C-alpha atoms as a PDB file:
ATOM      1  CA  MET A   1       6.892 -28.646 -15.080  1.00  0.00           C
ATOM      2  CA  LYS A   2       4.609 -24.996 -14.493  1.00  0.00           C
ATOM      3  CA  THR A   3       4.811 -24.149 -11.354  1.00  0.00           C
ATOM      4  CA  PRO A   4       1.555 -23.191  -9.532  1.00  0.00           C
ATOM      5  CA  PHE A   5       2.408 -19.525  -8.230  1.00  0.00           C
ATOM      6  CA  GLU A   6       2.462 -16.938 -10.459  1.00  0.00           C
ATOM      7  CA  TYR A   7       4.608 -13.620  -9.696  1.00  0.00           C
ATOM      8  CA  PRO A   8       2.711 -10.720 -11.122  1.00  0.00           C
ATOM      9  CA  ARG A   9       4.840  -7.653 -11.922  1.00  0.00           C
ATOM     10  CA  THR A  10       5.182  -4.413 -14.479  1.00  0.00           C
ATOM     11  CA  PRO A  11       6.816  -1.989 -15.416  1.00  0.00           C
ATOM     12  CA  GLU A  12       4.511   0.643 -12.485  1.00  0.00           C
ATOM     13  CA  THR A  13       4.772  -2.491  -9.832  1.00  0.00           C
ATOM     14  CA  PRO A  14       7.065  -0.817  -7.118  1.00  0.00           C
ATOM     15  CA  THR A  15      10.104  -2.855  -6.001  1.00  0.00           C
ATOM     16  CA  SER A  16      12.507  -3.209  -3.666  1.00  0.00           C
ATOM     17  CA  HIS A  17      16.715  -4.194  -3.481  1.00  0.00           C
ATOM     18  CA  LEU A  18      15.827  -6.391  -0.972  1.00  0.00           C
ATOM     19  CA  PRO A  19      14.423 -10.331  -1.242  1.00  0.00           C
ATOM     20  CA  PHE A  20      10.910 -10.358  -1.421  1.00  0.00           C
ATOM     21  CA  SER A  21       8.186 -10.971  -4.120  1.00  0.00           C
ATOM     22  CA  PRO A  22       5.261  -7.715  -4.261  1.00  0.00           C
ATOM     23  CA  ALA A  23       2.855 -10.115  -5.228  1.00  0.00           C
ATOM     24  CA  VAL A  24       2.506 -13.847  -5.196  1.00  0.00           C
ATOM     25  CA  CYS A  25      -1.308 -15.459  -6.827  1.00  0.00           C
ATOM     26  CA  TYR A  26      -1.587 -19.426  -5.928  1.00  0.00           C
ATOM     27  CA  GLY A  27      -4.837 -19.983  -7.376  1.00  0.00           C
ATOM     28  CA  ASP A  28      -6.921 -16.937  -6.894  1.00  0.00           C
ATOM     29  CA  LEU A  29      -5.300 -16.045  -4.004  1.00  0.00           C
ATOM     30  CA  ILE A  30      -3.332 -12.743  -4.158  1.00  0.00           C
ATOM     31  CA  PHE A  31      -0.083 -12.266  -1.187  1.00  0.00           C
ATOM     32  CA  ILE A  32       1.223  -8.687  -1.132  1.00  0.00           C
ATOM     33  CA  SER A  33       4.095  -7.798   0.845  1.00  0.00           C
ATOM     34  CA  GLY A  34       4.318  -5.202   3.161  1.00  0.00           C
ATOM     35  CA  GLN A  35       3.702  -1.774   1.145  1.00  0.00           C
ATOM     36  CA  ALA A  36       5.592   1.189   2.887  1.00  0.00           C
ATOM     37  CA  SER A  37       5.522   4.986   2.051  1.00  0.00           C
ATOM     38  CA  VAL A  38       8.769   3.774  -1.034  1.00  0.00           C
ATOM     39  CA  ASP A  39       8.818   5.249  -4.952  1.00  0.00           C
ATOM     40  CA  LYS A  40       8.893   2.521  -8.495  1.00  0.00           C
ATOM     41  CA  THR A  41      12.532   1.941  -7.313  1.00  0.00           C
ATOM     42  CA  GLY A  42      11.681   0.734  -3.589  1.00  0.00           C
ATOM     43  CA  LYS A  43      13.514   4.062  -1.758  1.00  0.00           C
ATOM     44  CA  ILE A  44      11.921   5.271   1.180  1.00  0.00           C
ATOM     45  CA  ILE A  45       9.817   8.729   1.104  1.00  0.00           C
ATOM     46  CA  SER A  46       9.031  10.080   4.198  1.00  0.00           C
ATOM     47  CA  GLY A  47       6.369  12.441   5.201  1.00  0.00           C
ATOM     48  CA  THR A  48       3.349  13.013   7.671  1.00  0.00           C
ATOM     49  CA  PHE A  49       1.499  10.318   9.031  1.00  0.00           C
ATOM     50  CA  GLU A  50      -1.407  11.203   5.767  1.00  0.00           C
ATOM     51  CA  GLU A  51       0.952  10.938   3.199  1.00  0.00           C
ATOM     52  CA  GLU A  52       2.620   8.206   4.484  1.00  0.00           C
ATOM     53  CA  PHE A  53      -0.336   6.531   5.149  1.00  0.00           C
ATOM     54  CA  ARG A  54      -1.720   7.228   1.047  1.00  0.00           C
ATOM     55  CA  ARG A  55       1.768   6.629  -0.490  1.00  0.00           C
ATOM     56  CA  SER A  56       1.502   3.429   1.097  1.00  0.00           C
ATOM     57  CA  MET A  57      -1.991   2.145   0.080  1.00  0.00           C
ATOM     58  CA  GLU A  58      -1.242   3.694  -3.682  1.00  0.00           C
ATOM     59  CA  ASN A  59       1.526   1.318  -3.749  1.00  0.00           C
ATOM     60  CA  LEU A  60      -0.782  -1.923  -2.518  1.00  0.00           C
ATOM     61  CA  ILE A  61      -3.842  -0.796  -5.208  1.00  0.00           C
ATOM     62  CA  GLN A  62      -0.752  -0.644  -7.869  1.00  0.00           C
ATOM     63  CA  ILE A  63       0.139  -4.036  -6.961  1.00  0.00           C
ATOM     64  CA  LEU A  64      -3.278  -5.068  -7.115  1.00  0.00           C
ATOM     65  CA  HIS A  65      -4.093  -4.215  -9.884  1.00  0.00           C
ATOM     66  CA  ASP A  66      -0.997  -5.805 -11.548  1.00  0.00           C
ATOM     67  CA  ALA A  67      -1.776  -8.956 -10.133  1.00  0.00           C
ATOM     68  CA  GLY A  68      -6.096  -9.104 -11.378  1.00  0.00           C
ATOM     69  CA  SER A  69      -7.953  -7.421  -7.994  1.00  0.00           C
ATOM     70  CA  ASP A  70      -8.546  -4.568  -5.994  1.00  0.00           C
ATOM     71  CA  LEU A  71      -9.333  -2.998  -3.318  1.00  0.00           C
ATOM     72  CA  SER A  72     -12.606  -4.316  -2.924  1.00  0.00           C
ATOM     73  CA  HIS A  73     -11.322  -7.996  -3.230  1.00  0.00           C
ATOM     74  CA  VAL A  74      -9.248  -7.691   0.339  1.00  0.00           C
ATOM     75  CA  ILE A  75      -9.816 -10.012   2.341  1.00  0.00           C
ATOM     76  CA  GLN A  76      -7.337  -9.229   5.398  1.00  0.00           C
ATOM     77  CA  THR A  77      -4.815  -6.735   6.301  1.00  0.00           C
ATOM     78  CA  ARG A  78      -1.592  -6.593   8.270  1.00  0.00           C
ATOM     79  CA  ASN A  79      -1.074  -3.083   9.335  1.00  0.00           C
ATOM     80  CA  TYR A  80       1.933  -1.221  11.627  1.00  0.00           C
ATOM     81  CA  LEU A  81       2.145   1.800  13.122  1.00  0.00           C
ATOM     82  CA  ARG A  82       5.190   3.302  14.284  1.00  0.00           C
ATOM     83  CA  ASP A  83       3.874   5.487  16.816  1.00  0.00           C
ATOM     84  CA  PRO A  84      -0.104   4.460  18.120  1.00  0.00           C
ATOM     85  CA  GLU A  85      -0.857   8.430  18.984  1.00  0.00           C
ATOM     86  CA  ASN A  86      -1.412   8.506  14.630  1.00  0.00           C
ATOM     87  CA  GLY A  87      -4.258   5.418  15.631  1.00  0.00           C
ATOM     88  CA  ALA A  88      -7.524   8.226  14.793  1.00  0.00           C
ATOM     89  CA  GLU A  89      -6.168   9.467  11.608  1.00  0.00           C
ATOM     90  CA  TYR A  90      -5.329   5.518  10.837  1.00  0.00           C
ATOM     91  CA  GLN A  91      -8.713   5.531  11.538  1.00  0.00           C
ATOM     92  CA  LYS A  92     -10.295   8.008   9.562  1.00  0.00           C
ATOM     93  CA  LEU A  93      -7.888   7.042   6.445  1.00  0.00           C
ATOM     94  CA  TYR A  94      -8.183   3.078   6.932  1.00  0.00           C
ATOM     95  CA  ALA A  95     -12.239   3.909   5.705  1.00  0.00           C
ATOM     96  CA  GLU A  96     -11.558   6.455   3.224  1.00  0.00           C
ATOM     97  CA  TYR A  97      -9.855   2.986   1.647  1.00  0.00           C
ATOM     98  CA  PHE A  98     -11.613  -0.001   2.759  1.00  0.00           C
ATOM     99  CA  LYS A  99     -15.684  -0.056   2.834  1.00  0.00           C
ATOM    100  CA  ALA A 100     -17.939  -2.187   4.618  1.00  0.00           C
ATOM    101  CA  PRO A 101     -18.061  -5.224   5.151  1.00  0.00           C
ATOM    102  CA  TYR A 102     -13.903  -4.339   5.864  1.00  0.00           C
ATOM    103  CA  PRO A 103     -12.026  -6.714   5.638  1.00  0.00           C
ATOM    104  CA  ALA A 104     -10.165  -8.522   8.851  1.00  0.00           C
ATOM    105  CA  ARG A 105      -8.363  -6.810  10.185  1.00  0.00           C
ATOM    106  CA  THR A 106      -4.726  -6.505  12.354  1.00  0.00           C
ATOM    107  CA  THR A 107      -2.696  -3.822  13.724  1.00  0.00           C
ATOM    108  CA  ILE A 108       0.442  -3.813  15.667  1.00  0.00           C
ATOM    109  CA  THR A 109       2.152  -0.413  16.644  1.00  0.00           C
ATOM    110  CA  HIS A 110       5.366   0.379  17.663  1.00  0.00           C
ATOM    111  CA  CYS A 111       7.410  -1.752  14.967  1.00  0.00           C
ATOM    112  CA  LEU A 112       8.607   0.252  12.728  1.00  0.00           C
ATOM    113  CA  PRO A 113      11.974   1.830  11.837  1.00  0.00           C
ATOM    114  CA  MET A 114      12.562   5.545  12.720  1.00  0.00           C
ATOM    115  CA  VAL A 115      11.985   6.081   8.858  1.00  0.00           C
ATOM    116  CA  LEU A 116       9.025   4.923   8.745  1.00  0.00           C
ATOM    117  CA  HIS A 117       5.292   5.870  10.274  1.00  0.00           C
ATOM    118  CA  TYR A 118       2.925   3.041   8.334  1.00  0.00           C
ATOM    119  CA  GLU A 119       3.211  -0.463   6.226  1.00  0.00           C
ATOM    120  CA  ILE A 120       0.136  -2.369   4.670  1.00  0.00           C
ATOM    121  CA  GLU A 121       0.126  -6.355   3.809  1.00  0.00           C
ATOM    122  CA  CYS A 122      -2.353  -8.124   2.393  1.00  0.00           C
ATOM    123  CA  ILE A 123      -4.509 -11.394   1.290  1.00  0.00           C
ATOM    124  CA  ALA A 124      -7.071 -11.031  -1.619  1.00  0.00           C
ATOM    125  CA  VAL A 125      -8.523 -13.113  -4.014  1.00  0.00           C
ATOM    126  CA  LYS A 126      -8.630 -12.315  -8.154  1.00  0.00           C
ATOM    127  CA  ILE A 127     -11.515 -10.492  -9.639  1.00  0.00           C
ATOM    128  CA  LYS A 128     -13.501 -13.210 -12.228  1.00  0.00           C
ATOM    129  CA  LYS A 129     -14.165 -12.244 -15.043  1.00  0.00           C
END
């Protein structure tokens, strides 16, 4: 019997040594695990807040693409900031990637280990063809 779940992955999908799937699809819904500043093998790439934010977003964009979607089809994001002092920069960068009407959003601070500045997860819908 075929499972109703899909686990989209291509050679370009960022992977992790940790026990989770980058994305799980159920019908037209896509649930994407937290994306941080990592390379394709899951190795953390440290940098400035902006560098880590952009790398996290590029990972998210790749996984959305692999699952048949894009940023304009994201319906909710959950964002994690290590330092609330990065809040203003976060707002500016976020608005570069997401346009009005914006997805529903939650932002939590003081919640990441010292090796990370930012992480994002989301729920999206597949693009109708």
